[in-house]
PDB file of N, CA and C in Angstrom:
ATOM      1  N   ASP A   1      66.709  48.617 -38.353  1.00  0.00           N
ATOM      2  CA  ASP A   1      65.618  47.673 -38.060  1.00  0.00           C
ATOM      3  C   ASP A   1      64.976  48.910 -38.003  1.00  0.00           C
ATOM      4  N   PRO A   2      64.172  50.008 -38.254  1.00  0.00           N
ATOM      5  CA  PRO A   2      63.004  50.860 -38.030  1.00  0.00           C
ATOM      6  C   PRO A   2      62.033  50.521 -37.204  1.00  0.00           C
ATOM      7  N   ASP A   3      61.913  48.836 -37.476  1.00  0.00           N
ATOM      8  CA  ASP A   3      60.444  48.180 -36.426  1.00  0.00           C
ATOM      9  C   ASP A   3      60.917  48.394 -34.841  1.00  0.00           C
ATOM     10  N   LEU A   4      62.716  47.558 -34.995  1.00  0.00           N
ATOM     11  CA  LEU A   4      63.217  47.730 -33.502  1.00  0.00           C
ATOM     12  C   LEU A   4      63.655  49.172 -32.764  1.00  0.00           C
ATOM     13  N   GLY A   5      63.137  50.290 -33.713  1.00  0.00           N
ATOM     14  CA  GLY A   5      63.314  51.268 -33.096  1.00  0.00           C
ATOM     15  C   GLY A   5      62.233  51.330 -32.620  1.00  0.00           C
ATOM     16  N   ILE A   6      61.451  51.804 -33.627  1.00  0.00           N
ATOM     17  CA  ILE A   6      59.829  52.039 -33.273  1.00  0.00           C
ATOM     18  C   ILE A   6      59.623  51.706 -31.295  1.00  0.00           C
ATOM     19  N   ALA A   7      59.519  50.964 -31.785  1.00  0.00           N
ATOM     20  CA  ALA A   7      58.845  49.490 -30.670  1.00  0.00           C
ATOM     21  C   ALA A   7      60.380  50.044 -29.149  1.00  0.00           C
ATOM     22  N   ALA A   8      61.058  50.564 -29.621  1.00  0.00           N
ATOM     23  CA  ALA A   8      62.062  50.531 -28.564  1.00  0.00           C
ATOM     24  C   ALA A   8      61.541  51.870 -27.832  1.00  0.00           C
ATOM     25  N   LEU A   9      61.334  52.559 -28.385  1.00  0.00           N
ATOM     26  CA  LEU A   9      61.141  54.304 -28.378  1.00  0.00           C
ATOM     27  C   LEU A   9      59.596  54.145 -27.449  1.00  0.00           C
ATOM     28  N   TRP A  10      59.002  52.872 -27.870  1.00  0.00           N
ATOM     29  CA  TRP A  10      57.136  53.729 -26.967  1.00  0.00           C
ATOM     30  C   TRP A  10      56.955  52.473 -25.726  1.00  0.00           C
ATOM     31  N   TYR A  11      58.434  50.751 -25.900  1.00  0.00           N
ATOM     32  CA  TYR A  11      58.598  50.695 -24.284  1.00  0.00           C
ATOM     33  C   TYR A  11      59.463  52.182 -23.826  1.00  0.00           C
ATOM     34  N   GLN A  12      60.782  52.541 -24.040  1.00  0.00           N
ATOM     35  CA  GLN A  12      61.486  53.789 -23.050  1.00  0.00           C
ATOM     36  C   GLN A  12      59.903  54.595 -22.358  1.00  0.00           C
ATOM     37  N   ARG A  13      59.067  55.116 -23.477  1.00  0.00           N
ATOM     38  CA  ARG A  13      58.115  55.976 -22.829  1.00  0.00           C
ATOM     39  C   ARG A  13      57.040  54.774 -21.922  1.00  0.00           C
ATOM     40  N   SER A  14      56.791  54.033 -21.940  1.00  0.00           N
ATOM     41  CA  SER A  14      56.139  53.254 -21.145  1.00  0.00           C
ATOM     42  C   SER A  14      56.645  53.126 -19.789  1.00  0.00           C
ATOM     43  N   ALA A  15      58.233  52.696 -20.103  1.00  0.00           N
ATOM     44  CA  ALA A  15      58.776  52.080 -18.849  1.00  0.00           C
ATOM     45  C   ALA A  15      58.949  53.448 -17.899  1.00  0.00           C
ATOM     46  N   GLN A  16      59.013  54.760 -18.640  1.00  0.00           N
ATOM     47  CA  GLN A  16      58.722  55.965 -17.916  1.00  0.00           C
ATOM     48  C   GLN A  16      57.529  56.827 -17.452  1.00  0.00           C
ATOM     49  N   ALA A  17      56.722  55.946 -17.592  1.00  0.00           N
ATOM     50  CA  ALA A  17      55.275  56.368 -17.247  1.00  0.00           C
ATOM     51  C   ALA A  17      55.051  55.453 -16.411  1.00  0.00           C
ATOM     52  N   GLY A  18      55.920  54.430 -15.802  1.00  0.00           N
ATOM     53  CA  GLY A  18      55.172  53.534 -14.770  1.00  0.00           C
ATOM     54  C   GLY A  18      55.090  51.973 -15.024  1.00  0.00           C
ATOM     55  N   TYR A  19      54.785  51.686 -16.286  1.00  0.00           N
ATOM     56  CA  TYR A  19      54.240  50.513 -16.485  1.00  0.00           C
ATOM     57  C   TYR A  19      55.170  49.944 -16.381  1.00  0.00           C
ATOM     58  N   PHE A  20      55.102  48.407 -15.421  1.00  0.00           N
ATOM     59  CA  PHE A  20      56.504  47.584 -15.250  1.00  0.00           C
ATOM     60  C   PHE A  20      56.382  46.777 -16.099  1.00  0.00           C
ATOM     61  N   ARG A  21      55.619  46.213 -17.427  1.00  0.00           N
ATOM     62  CA  ARG A  21      55.912  45.698 -19.109  1.00  0.00           C
ATOM     63  C   ARG A  21      56.391  45.846 -19.888  1.00  0.00           C
ATOM     64  N   GLY A  22      56.744  47.536 -19.249  1.00  0.00           N
ATOM     65  CA  GLY A  22      57.149  48.193 -20.590  1.00  0.00           C
ATOM     66  C   GLY A  22      58.777  48.675 -20.167  1.00  0.00           C
ATOM     67  N   GLN A  23      58.930  48.824 -18.350  1.00  0.00           N
ATOM     68  CA  GLN A  23      59.886  48.573 -17.863  1.00  0.00           C
ATOM     69  C   GLN A  23      60.825  47.300 -18.120  1.00  0.00           C
ATOM     70  N   CYS A  24      60.350  45.879 -18.445  1.00  0.00           N
ATOM     71  CA  CYS A  24      61.483  45.019 -18.255  1.00  0.00           C
ATOM     72  C   CYS A  24      61.606  44.872 -19.631  1.00  0.00           C
ATOM     73  N   ASN A  25      60.799  45.381 -21.061  1.00  0.00           N
ATOM     74  CA  ASN A  25      60.724  45.264 -22.193  1.00  0.00           C
ATOM     75  C   ASN A  25      61.904  46.104 -22.342  1.00  0.00           C
ATOM     76  N   HIS A  26      62.085  47.917 -22.087  1.00  0.00           N
ATOM     77  CA  HIS A  26      62.911  48.123 -21.718  1.00  0.00           C
ATOM     78  C   HIS A  26      64.627  48.116 -21.459  1.00  0.00           C
ATOM     79  N   ALA A  27      63.773  47.318 -20.446  1.00  0.00           N
ATOM     80  CA  ALA A  27      65.514  46.777 -20.179  1.00  0.00           C
ATOM     81  C   ALA A  27      65.951  45.728 -20.776  1.00  0.00           C
ATOM     82  N   GLY A  28      64.963  45.216 -21.542  1.00  0.00           N
ATOM     83  CA  GLY A  28      65.995  44.033 -22.506  1.00  0.00           C
ATOM     84  C   GLY A  28      66.556  44.638 -23.794  1.00  0.00           C
ATOM     85  N   ILE A  29      65.931  45.682 -24.515  1.00  0.00           N
ATOM     86  CA  ILE A  29      66.640  46.704 -25.440  1.00  0.00           C
ATOM     87  C   ILE A  29      68.263  46.976 -24.616  1.00  0.00           C
ATOM     88  N   LEU A  30      68.071  47.452 -24.382  1.00  0.00           N
ATOM     89  CA  LEU A  30      69.187  48.245 -23.416  1.00  0.00           C
ATOM     90  C   LEU A  30      70.353  46.807 -23.084  1.00  0.00           C
ATOM     91  N   ALA A  31      69.536  45.814 -22.539  1.00  0.00           N
ATOM     92  CA  ALA A  31      70.900  44.711 -22.257  1.00  0.00           C
ATOM     93  C   ALA A  31      70.924  44.184 -23.974  1.00  0.00           C
ATOM     94  N   GLN A  32      70.562  44.427 -25.156  1.00  0.00           N
ATOM     95  CA  GLN A  32      70.867  44.127 -25.752  1.00  0.00           C
ATOM     96  C   GLN A  32      71.857  45.004 -26.707  1.00  0.00           C
ATOM     97  N   ARG A  33      71.493  46.428 -25.758  1.00  0.00           N
ATOM     98  CA  ARG A  33      72.093  47.261 -26.805  1.00  0.00           C
ATOM     99  C   ARG A  33      73.905  47.877 -25.954  1.00  0.00           C
ATOM    100  N   GLY A  34      73.667  46.271 -25.002  1.00  0.00           N
ATOM    101  CA  GLY A  34      74.677  46.636 -24.371  1.00  0.00           C
ATOM    102  C   GLY A  34      75.452  47.427 -23.302  1.00  0.00           C
ATOM    103  N   ARG A  35      73.948  47.903 -22.880  1.00  0.00           N
ATOM    104  CA  ARG A  35      73.970  49.049 -21.878  1.00  0.00           C
ATOM    105  C   ARG A  35      73.408  48.888 -20.700  1.00  0.00           C
ATOM    106  N   ALA A  36      74.537  47.933 -19.498  1.00  0.00           N
ATOM    107  CA  ALA A  36      73.978  46.649 -18.731  1.00  0.00           C
ATOM    108  C   ALA A  36      73.317  47.451 -17.225  1.00  0.00           C
ATOM    109  N   GLU A  37      74.469  48.394 -17.133  1.00  0.00           N
ATOM    110  CA  GLU A  37      73.685  49.532 -16.480  1.00  0.00           C
ATOM    111  C   GLU A  37      72.753  50.069 -15.924  1.00  0.00           C
ATOM    112  N   GLU A  38      72.261  50.487 -17.633  1.00  0.00           N
ATOM    113  CA  GLU A  38      70.852  51.388 -17.350  1.00  0.00           C
ATOM    114  C   GLU A  38      69.940  50.030 -17.752  1.00  0.00           C
ATOM    115  N   ALA A  39      70.137  49.012 -18.347  1.00  0.00           N
ATOM    116  CA  ALA A  39      68.871  48.082 -18.045  1.00  0.00           C
ATOM    117  C   ALA A  39      69.072  46.962 -16.657  1.00  0.00           C
ATOM    118  N   ALA A  40      70.247  46.780 -16.361  1.00  0.00           N
ATOM    119  CA  ALA A  40      70.006  46.634 -14.200  1.00  0.00           C
ATOM    120  C   ALA A  40      68.718  47.189 -13.514  1.00  0.00           C
ATOM    121  N   ARG A  41      68.948  48.490 -14.195  1.00  0.00           N
ATOM    122  CA  ARG A  41      68.030  49.255 -12.812  1.00  0.00           C
ATOM    123  C   ARG A  41      66.715  49.406 -13.817  1.00  0.00           C
ATOM    124  N   TRP A  42      66.257  49.311 -15.357  1.00  0.00           N
ATOM    125  CA  TRP A  42      64.820  49.202 -14.992  1.00  0.00           C
ATOM    126  C   TRP A  42      64.457  47.682 -15.316  1.00  0.00           C
ATOM    127  N   TYR A  43      65.351  46.591 -14.967  1.00  0.00           N
ATOM    128  CA  TYR A  43      65.158  45.305 -14.340  1.00  0.00           C
ATOM    129  C   TYR A  43      64.652  45.618 -12.869  1.00  0.00           C
ATOM    130  N   LEU A  44      64.883  46.019 -12.126  1.00  0.00           N
ATOM    131  CA  LEU A  44      65.167  46.605 -10.654  1.00  0.00           C
ATOM    132  C   LEU A  44      63.953  46.916 -10.403  1.00  0.00           C
ATOM    133  N   LYS A  45      63.336  48.156 -11.479  1.00  0.00           N
ATOM    134  CA  LYS A  45      62.149  49.036 -11.021  1.00  0.00           C
ATOM    135  C   LYS A  45      60.853  47.542 -11.222  1.00  0.00           C
ATOM    136  N   ALA A  46      61.378  47.433 -12.760  1.00  0.00           N
ATOM    137  CA  ALA A  46      59.936  46.510 -13.144  1.00  0.00           C
ATOM    138  C   ALA A  46      59.775  45.781 -12.114  1.00  0.00           C
ATOM    139  N   ALA A  47      60.547  44.777 -11.786  1.00  0.00           N
ATOM    140  CA  ALA A  47      60.539  43.816 -10.420  1.00  0.00           C
ATOM    141  C   ALA A  47      59.500  44.177  -8.737  1.00  0.00           C
ATOM    142  N   ALA A  48      60.373  45.234  -9.107  1.00  0.00           N
ATOM    143  CA  ALA A  48      59.684  46.396  -7.715  1.00  0.00           C
ATOM    144  C   ALA A  48      58.322  46.954  -7.680  1.00  0.00           C
ATOM    145  N   ASP A  49      57.617  47.377  -9.295  1.00  0.00           N
ATOM    146  CA  ASP A  49      56.798  48.015  -9.599  1.00  0.00           C
ATOM    147  C   ASP A  49      56.218  46.911 -10.046  1.00  0.00           C
ATOM    148  N   GLY A  50      55.822  45.303 -10.209  1.00  0.00           N
ATOM    149  CA  GLY A  50      55.531  44.301 -10.873  1.00  0.00           C
ATOM    150  C   GLY A  50      54.271  42.986 -10.220  1.00  0.00           C
ATOM    151  N   ASP A  51      54.809  41.786 -10.650  1.00  0.00           N
ATOM    152  CA  ASP A  51      53.906  40.964 -10.062  1.00  0.00           C
ATOM    153  C   ASP A  51      55.189  40.336  -9.921  1.00  0.00           C
ATOM    154  N   ASP A  52      54.491  38.774 -10.008  1.00  0.00           N
ATOM    155  CA  ASP A  52      55.720  37.501  -9.551  1.00  0.00           C
ATOM    156  C   ASP A  52      55.854  36.901 -10.644  1.00  0.00           C
ATOM    157  N   ALA A  53      54.621  37.181 -11.331  1.00  0.00           N
ATOM    158  CA  ALA A  53      54.590  36.360 -13.734  1.00  0.00           C
ATOM    159  C   ALA A  53      56.779  38.001 -14.280  1.00  0.00           C
ATOM    160  N   ILE A  54      55.849  38.574 -13.957  1.00  0.00           N
ATOM    161  CA  ILE A  54      57.431  39.316 -14.254  1.00  0.00           C
ATOM    162  C   ILE A  54      58.445  39.008 -13.641  1.00  0.00           C
ATOM    163  N   ARG A  55      58.756  38.891 -12.850  1.00  0.00           N
ATOM    164  CA  ARG A  55      60.052  39.056 -11.800  1.00  0.00           C
ATOM    165  C   ARG A  55      60.550  37.706 -12.518  1.00  0.00           C
ATOM    166  N   ARG A  56      59.408  36.749 -12.581  1.00  0.00           N
ATOM    167  CA  ARG A  56      60.122  35.199 -12.900  1.00  0.00           C
ATOM    168  C   ARG A  56      60.291  35.336 -14.322  1.00  0.00           C
ATOM    169  N   SER A  57      59.865  36.293 -15.315  1.00  0.00           N
ATOM    170  CA  SER A  57      60.532  36.458 -16.771  1.00  0.00           C
ATOM    171  C   SER A  57      61.728  37.485 -16.444  1.00  0.00           C
ATOM    172  N   ILE A  58      61.987  38.166 -15.736  1.00  0.00           N
ATOM    173  CA  ILE A  58      63.447  38.631 -15.136  1.00  0.00           C
ATOM    174  C   ILE A  58      64.456  37.653 -15.075  1.00  0.00           C
ATOM    175  N   VAL A  59      64.251  36.561 -14.223  1.00  0.00           N
ATOM    176  CA  VAL A  59      65.174  35.816 -13.322  1.00  0.00           C
ATOM    177  C   VAL A  59      65.296  34.779 -14.557  1.00  0.00           C
ATOM    178  N   HIS A  60      64.826  34.699 -15.773  1.00  0.00           N
ATOM    179  CA  HIS A  60      64.188  33.586 -16.821  1.00  0.00           C
ATOM    180  C   HIS A  60      65.358  34.502 -17.579  1.00  0.00           C
ATOM    181  N   ALA A  61      64.887  35.637 -17.978  1.00  0.00           N
ATOM    182  CA  ALA A  61      65.607  36.610 -19.211  1.00  0.00           C
ATOM    183  C   ALA A  61      67.497  36.838 -18.569  1.00  0.00           C
ATOM    184  N   LEU A  62      67.862  36.621 -17.442  1.00  0.00           N
ATOM    185  CA  LEU A  62      68.529  36.561 -17.213  1.00  0.00           C
ATOM    186  C   LEU A  62      69.896  35.813 -16.612  1.00  0.00           C
ATOM    187  N   ARG A  63      69.170  34.434 -16.461  1.00  0.00           N
ATOM    188  CA  ARG A  63      69.765  33.643 -16.096  1.00  0.00           C
ATOM    189  C   ARG A  63      71.259  32.999 -16.558  1.00  0.00           C
ATOM    190  N   ASN A  64      71.533  33.797 -17.915  1.00  0.00           N
ATOM    191  CA  ASN A  64      72.735  33.492 -18.910  1.00  0.00           C
ATOM    192  C   ASN A  64      73.361  34.829 -18.872  1.00  0.00           C
ATOM    193  N   ALA A  65      73.187  36.099 -18.096  1.00  0.00           N
ATOM    194  CA  ALA A  65      73.926  36.978 -18.229  1.00  0.00           C
ATOM    195  C   ALA A  65      74.988  37.577 -17.787  1.00  0.00           C
ATOM    196  N   ASN A  66      75.722  37.541 -18.998  1.00  0.00           N
ATOM    197  CA  ASN A  66      77.169  37.976 -18.324  1.00  0.00           C
ATOM    198  C   ASN A  66      77.486  39.320 -17.890  1.00  0.00           C
ATOM    199  N   ALA A  67      77.228  40.452 -17.597  1.00  0.00           N
ATOM    200  CA  ALA A  67      77.545  41.129 -17.402  1.00  0.00           C
ATOM    201  C   ALA A  67      77.000  41.502 -16.019  1.00  0.00           C
ATOM    202  N   PRO A  68      78.220  41.990 -14.803  1.00  0.00           N
ATOM    203  CA  PRO A  68      78.327  42.516 -13.850  1.00  0.00           C
ATOM    204  C   PRO A  68      76.589  42.546 -13.419  1.00  0.00           C
ATOM    205  N   ALA A  69      76.373  43.833 -13.832  1.00  0.00           N
ATOM    206  CA  ALA A  69      75.008  44.730 -13.361  1.00  0.00           C
ATOM    207  C   ALA A  69      73.711  43.348 -13.789  1.00  0.00           C
ATOM    208  N   LEU A  70      73.940  43.052 -14.233  1.00  0.00           N
ATOM    209  CA  LEU A  70      72.528  42.094 -15.050  1.00  0.00           C
ATOM    210  C   LEU A  70      72.566  41.001 -13.764  1.00  0.00           C
ATOM    211  N   ARG A  71      73.869  40.547 -13.410  1.00  0.00           N
ATOM    212  CA  ARG A  71      74.032  38.838 -12.882  1.00  0.00           C
ATOM    213  C   ARG A  71      73.375  39.936 -10.971  1.00  0.00           C
ATOM    214  N   ARG A  72      73.927  40.752 -10.839  1.00  0.00           N
ATOM    215  CA  ARG A  72      73.597  41.560  -9.290  1.00  0.00           C
ATOM    216  C   ARG A  72      71.978  41.674 -10.000  1.00  0.00           C
ATOM    217  N   ALA A  73      71.263  42.052 -10.803  1.00  0.00           N
ATOM    218  CA  ALA A  73      70.000  42.353 -11.115  1.00  0.00           C
ATOM    219  C   ALA A  73      69.144  41.051 -10.640  1.00  0.00           C
ATOM    220  N   ARG A  74      69.077  39.955 -11.068  1.00  0.00           N
ATOM    221  CA  ARG A  74      69.660  38.575 -10.901  1.00  0.00           C
ATOM    222  C   ARG A  74      69.188  38.373  -9.719  1.00  0.00           C
ATOM    223  N   ALA A  75      70.223  38.201  -8.966  1.00  0.00           N
ATOM    224  CA  ALA A  75      70.479  37.874  -7.643  1.00  0.00           C
ATOM    225  C   ALA A  75      69.856  38.773  -6.317  1.00  0.00           C
ATOM    226  N   HIS A  76      69.681  39.360  -7.184  1.00  0.00           N
ATOM    227  CA  HIS A  76      68.557  41.073  -5.963  1.00  0.00           C
ATOM    228  C   HIS A  76      67.249  40.819  -5.756  1.00  0.00           C
ATOM    229  N   ILE A  77      66.950  40.301  -7.406  1.00  0.00           N
ATOM    230  CA  ILE A  77      65.508  39.901  -7.501  1.00  0.00           C
ATOM    231  C   ILE A  77      64.942  38.587  -6.028  1.00  0.00           C
ATOM    232  N   LEU A  78      65.924  37.063  -6.594  1.00  0.00           N
ATOM    233  CA  LEU A  78      65.821  36.084  -6.248  1.00  0.00           C
ATOM    234  C   LEU A  78      66.157  36.312  -4.929  1.00  0.00           C
ATOM    235  N   ALA A  79      66.727  36.949  -4.203  1.00  0.00           N
ATOM    236  CA  ALA A  79      66.968  37.224  -3.297  1.00  0.00           C
ATOM    237  C   ALA A  79      66.014  38.095  -2.210  1.00  0.00           C
ATOM    238  N   ARG A  80      65.237  39.073  -2.858  1.00  0.00           N
ATOM    239  CA  ARG A  80      63.921  40.062  -2.364  1.00  0.00           C
ATOM    240  C   ARG A  80      62.951  39.485  -1.795  1.00  0.00           C
ATOM    241  N   TYR A  81      62.382  38.905  -3.421  1.00  0.00           N
ATOM    242  CA  TYR A  81      60.874  38.840  -3.510  1.00  0.00           C
ATOM    243  C   TYR A  81      60.810  36.918  -3.296  1.00  0.00           C
ATOM    244  N   ALA A  82      59.947  36.427  -2.710  1.00  0.00           N
ATOM    245  CA  ALA A  82      59.516  35.236  -2.493  1.00  0.00           C
ATOM    246  C   ALA A  82      58.839  34.257  -3.385  1.00  0.00           C
ATOM    247  N   PHE A  83      59.532  33.746  -4.216  1.00  0.00           N
ATOM    248  CA  PHE A  83      58.455  33.190  -5.754  1.00  0.00           C
ATOM    249  C   PHE A  83      59.410  31.749  -5.528  1.00  0.00           C
ATOM    250  N   LYS A  84      58.807  31.519  -6.301  1.00  0.00           N
ATOM    251  CA  LYS A  84      59.180  30.182  -6.666  1.00  0.00           C
ATOM    252  C   LYS A  84      59.307  30.475  -8.669  1.00  0.00           C
ATOM    253  N   THR A  85      60.793  29.682  -8.452  1.00  0.00           N
ATOM    254  CA  THR A  85      61.501  29.957  -9.735  1.00  0.00           C
ATOM    255  C   THR A  85      62.351  28.175 -10.143  1.00  0.00           C
ATOM    256  N   ARG A  86      61.386  28.426 -11.914  1.00  0.00           N
ATOM    257  CA  ARG A  86      62.889  26.786 -11.916  1.00  0.00           C
ATOM    258  C   ARG A  86      63.943  26.892 -12.638  1.00  0.00           C
ATOM    259  N   SER A  87      64.212  28.483 -12.708  1.00  0.00           N
ATOM    260  CA  SER A  87      65.158  29.111 -13.475  1.00  0.00           C
ATOM    261  C   SER A  87      66.904  29.092 -12.394  1.00  0.00           C
TER     262      SER A  87
END
């Protein structure tokens, strides 16, 4: 899908520029593409650079993750940041 490719490029650029929402979206695309280790690094960066809302979004997105790297990222975010989640 050409639109997804264009979106992926802009999310990557946004992530590399330091925007936490771009980091999160870039991570999501990487995870969908099976690049779990790289996705986990970007999710952790987004959690570190972002706010509680993005952390909740990440925790929610990773609630059923199968890849060990993504499960570790979720556990790290839950352990590191003090916020309440229903996930």
